[in-house]
Structure formats: structure tokens, C-alpha cells
């Protein structure tokens, strides 16, 4: 008797084709291109908010110093020897803004004495060209020096 040859079919291979993988990568790229700018803007907003809170705290410290000493205190940007907190956030090592204090500018462009006015400012440690350096002075003026500074709510809410 002749042996009957049995042919066995190979089971279909499992996996993805190159086309399927390329489609998935294209969809991921499109989603990333849409989501990443929103993520970056949200992170910057959070950092600016933290800087505004730190500036308010520093201004309170300056007002307390004015009450006790009769003058505001000039502080270099991020000065570690200052009695005031000179960084935004929990730790200096991971801060996104360094703080400082200087004389206010007069309307004529000169500096006002420290017994009249102080300006506290927060300078970003990572690029933030939209808002730039945030500042507030003891006369309650506040602003920033970024490229989009005139946009409502960007620097101060």
C-alpha cells in the first residue's frame, strides 16, 4: 500500500505588517504633534503661577522689613546670603525661577530710593520668551518683559 501523503497547512503567521506599523506610527506622530505644545504651555503656566506666589511672599517679607527698618532691602538675583527666600518652589536646586529685589524705576527713568519703593522680580531658569521676567513693586504695579506681555492674563491674572 502506498502511504497517503498528508499535507499539513502551515498556520497563518501572526504579527503586524510593515504597513500596519507605519499607520500606527503616523497616528502617534499626529497625536504627539497636537498634544506636546499644549503640554509645554501647561507646564509654563504652572511655573509662572509658582513664581507669582513666590513674588507675593517676597513682597510681604520686604514690607515687613520696611516696617522694622524703615527701608526696603536690595537683594541680588538668587542671593543665598539674603534673609529672604530668593527662589520659587520647594527647593533651590530644582527651582524654575530665581528671585531678586531692586530699586523701582522712576517715571524719568532713574532709580527711586529704597525707602520709597522696591521692585521684586522673578527670572526664569528655563526659557520662557512669552512672559520673560515677572515683577511687582511696592506700589502694586506688576508686569513682565516677555514678547507676549500685553496678552491679558499671561503674566498676571
Protein backbone atom coordinates (compact mmCIF):
# COMPACT_ATOMS: atom_id res chain seq x y z
CA UNK A 1 0.00 0.00 0.00
CA UNK A 2 1.05 3.32 -0.77
CA UNK A 3 1.30 5.74 2.02
CA UNK A 4 -1.02 8.60 1.71
CA UNK A 5 0.82 11.81 1.89
CA UNK A 6 -0.84 14.17 4.20
CA UNK A 7 -0.20 17.74 3.62
CA UNK A 8 -0.48 19.93 6.60
CA UNK A 9 -1.19 23.53 6.12
CA UNK A 10 1.07 25.94 7.83
CA UNK A 11 -0.86 28.01 10.29
CA UNK A 12 -1.01 31.68 9.37
CA UNK A 13 1.84 33.69 10.81
CA UNK A 14 0.95 36.12 13.50
CA UNK A 15 2.25 39.65 13.67
CA UNK A 16 1.92 43.03 12.03
CA UNK A 17 2.74 44.01 8.54
CA UNK A 18 5.01 46.92 7.82
CA UNK A 19 2.07 48.95 6.54
CA UNK A 20 0.16 48.45 9.78
CA UNK A 21 3.16 49.54 11.82
CA UNK A 22 3.65 52.63 9.65
CA UNK A 23 0.00 53.62 10.09
CA UNK A 24 0.27 53.29 13.88
CA UNK A 25 3.45 55.41 13.89
CA UNK A 26 1.78 58.07 11.74
CA UNK A 27 -1.21 58.26 14.08
CA UNK A 28 1.12 58.54 17.10
CA UNK A 29 3.11 61.29 15.41
CA UNK A 30 -0.03 63.30 14.68
CA UNK A 31 -1.29 62.91 18.25
CA UNK A 32 2.10 63.94 19.63
CA UNK A 33 2.28 66.99 17.38
CA UNK A 34 -1.09 68.14 18.70
CA UNK A 35 -0.58 67.29 22.38
CA UNK A 36 3.04 68.36 23.01
CA UNK A 37 2.59 72.14 22.58
CA UNK A 38 -0.39 72.04 24.97
CA UNK A 39 1.69 70.13 27.49
CA UNK A 40 4.56 72.63 27.27
CA UNK A 41 2.18 75.59 27.70
CA UNK A 42 0.58 73.95 30.74
CA UNK A 43 3.99 73.41 32.35
CA UNK A 44 4.94 77.06 31.71
CA UNK A 45 1.64 78.26 33.21
CA UNK A 46 2.32 76.21 36.33
CA UNK A 47 5.83 77.62 36.66
CA UNK A 48 4.56 81.19 36.21
CA UNK A 49 1.93 80.61 38.87
CA UNK A 50 4.60 79.35 41.26
CA UNK A 51 6.72 82.45 40.50
CA UNK A 52 3.78 84.79 41.16
CA UNK A 53 3.18 83.15 44.54
CA UNK A 54 6.88 83.42 45.42
CA UNK A 55 6.90 87.10 44.42
CA UNK A 56 3.89 87.80 46.64
CA UNK A 57 5.69 86.10 49.54
CA UNK A 58 8.89 88.06 48.88
CA UNK A 59 6.93 91.33 48.73
CA UNK A 60 5.39 90.51 52.13
CA UNK A 61 8.88 89.93 53.53
CA UNK A 62 10.01 93.25 52.04
CA UNK A 63 7.03 95.09 53.59
CA UNK A 64 7.84 93.53 56.96
CA UNK A 65 11.45 94.69 56.58
CA UNK A 66 10.24 98.20 55.65
CA UNK A 67 8.13 98.34 58.81
CA UNK A 68 11.03 97.25 61.01
CA UNK A 69 13.99 99.00 59.34
CA UNK A 70 12.40 101.97 57.55
CA UNK A 71 13.68 100.85 54.15
CA UNK A 72 13.33 98.02 51.69
CA UNK A 73 16.26 95.69 51.07
CA UNK A 74 18.01 95.20 47.75
CA UNK A 75 18.69 91.53 47.00
CA UNK A 76 20.74 90.11 44.15
CA UNK A 77 19.11 87.52 41.93
CA UNK A 78 19.14 84.20 43.78
CA UNK A 79 21.32 85.58 46.62
CA UNK A 80 21.91 82.70 49.06
CA UNK A 81 23.04 85.04 51.84
CA UNK A 82 19.78 87.00 51.79
CA UNK A 83 17.43 86.63 54.76
CA UNK A 84 14.62 86.41 52.21
CA UNK A 85 13.72 83.39 50.08
CA UNK A 86 15.26 84.00 46.66
CA UNK A 87 13.83 81.12 44.66
CA UNK A 88 10.39 79.86 43.71
CA UNK A 89 9.24 76.41 44.75
CA UNK A 90 10.24 73.85 47.33
CA UNK A 91 13.99 73.52 46.71
CA UNK A 92 16.57 75.86 45.29
CA UNK A 93 18.18 73.05 43.26
CA UNK A 94 15.01 72.43 41.26
CA UNK A 95 13.63 75.96 41.05
CA UNK A 96 12.23 77.31 37.82
CA UNK A 97 12.59 80.98 38.88
CA UNK A 98 15.20 82.90 40.88
CA UNK A 99 14.05 85.98 42.80
CA UNK A 100 15.66 89.34 43.46
CA UNK A 101 14.80 92.87 44.60
CA UNK A 102 15.96 96.25 43.32
CA UNK A 103 15.04 99.91 43.32
CA UNK A 104 11.93 100.90 41.38
CA UNK A 105 12.33 102.94 38.23
CA UNK A 106 11.02 106.50 38.35
CA UNK A 107 8.97 107.95 35.52
CA UNK A 108 12.06 109.79 34.31
CA UNK A 109 13.98 106.51 34.06
CA UNK A 110 16.13 106.88 37.18
CA UNK A 111 16.01 104.78 40.31
CA UNK A 112 13.85 105.65 43.31
CA UNK A 113 15.44 105.27 46.76
CA UNK A 114 14.78 102.03 48.63
CA UNK A 115 12.94 103.87 51.40
CA UNK A 116 10.28 104.79 48.82
CA UNK A 117 9.85 101.78 46.55
CA UNK A 118 11.15 98.30 45.82
CA UNK A 119 10.62 96.03 42.83
CA UNK A 120 10.82 92.28 43.32
CA UNK A 121 11.35 90.16 40.23
CA UNK A 122 11.44 86.52 39.17
CA UNK A 123 13.74 85.45 36.36
CA UNK A 124 13.05 82.09 34.66
CA UNK A 125 15.78 79.47 34.70
CA UNK A 126 14.37 77.71 31.64
CA UNK A 127 13.47 79.68 28.50
CA UNK A 128 10.11 81.45 28.67
CA UNK A 129 10.20 84.10 25.96
CA UNK A 130 6.44 84.69 26.17
CA UNK A 131 6.47 86.01 29.76
CA UNK A 132 10.17 86.54 30.49
CA UNK A 133 10.94 88.11 33.88
CA UNK A 134 7.90 88.71 36.11
CA UNK A 135 7.93 91.66 38.54
CA UNK A 136 5.84 93.52 41.06
CA UNK A 137 6.68 96.66 43.01
CA UNK A 138 5.63 98.09 46.35
CA UNK A 139 3.19 100.47 44.64
CA UNK A 140 1.30 97.41 43.31
CA UNK A 141 2.41 97.81 39.71
CA UNK A 142 3.13 94.47 38.09
CA UNK A 143 4.22 93.33 34.67
CA UNK A 144 6.66 91.15 32.76
CA UNK A 145 9.15 91.74 29.95
CA UNK A 146 8.31 88.87 27.59
CA UNK A 147 7.32 89.02 23.94
CA UNK A 148 3.63 88.42 24.74
CA UNK A 149 3.49 90.69 27.82
CA UNK A 150 0.45 92.60 26.52
CA UNK A 151 -1.65 89.46 26.27
CA UNK A 152 -4.24 89.57 29.08
CA UNK A 153 -3.65 87.03 31.83
CA UNK A 154 -0.31 85.77 30.56
CA UNK A 155 1.93 87.33 33.21
CA UNK A 156 -0.53 88.25 35.96
CA UNK A 157 -4.10 87.13 36.45
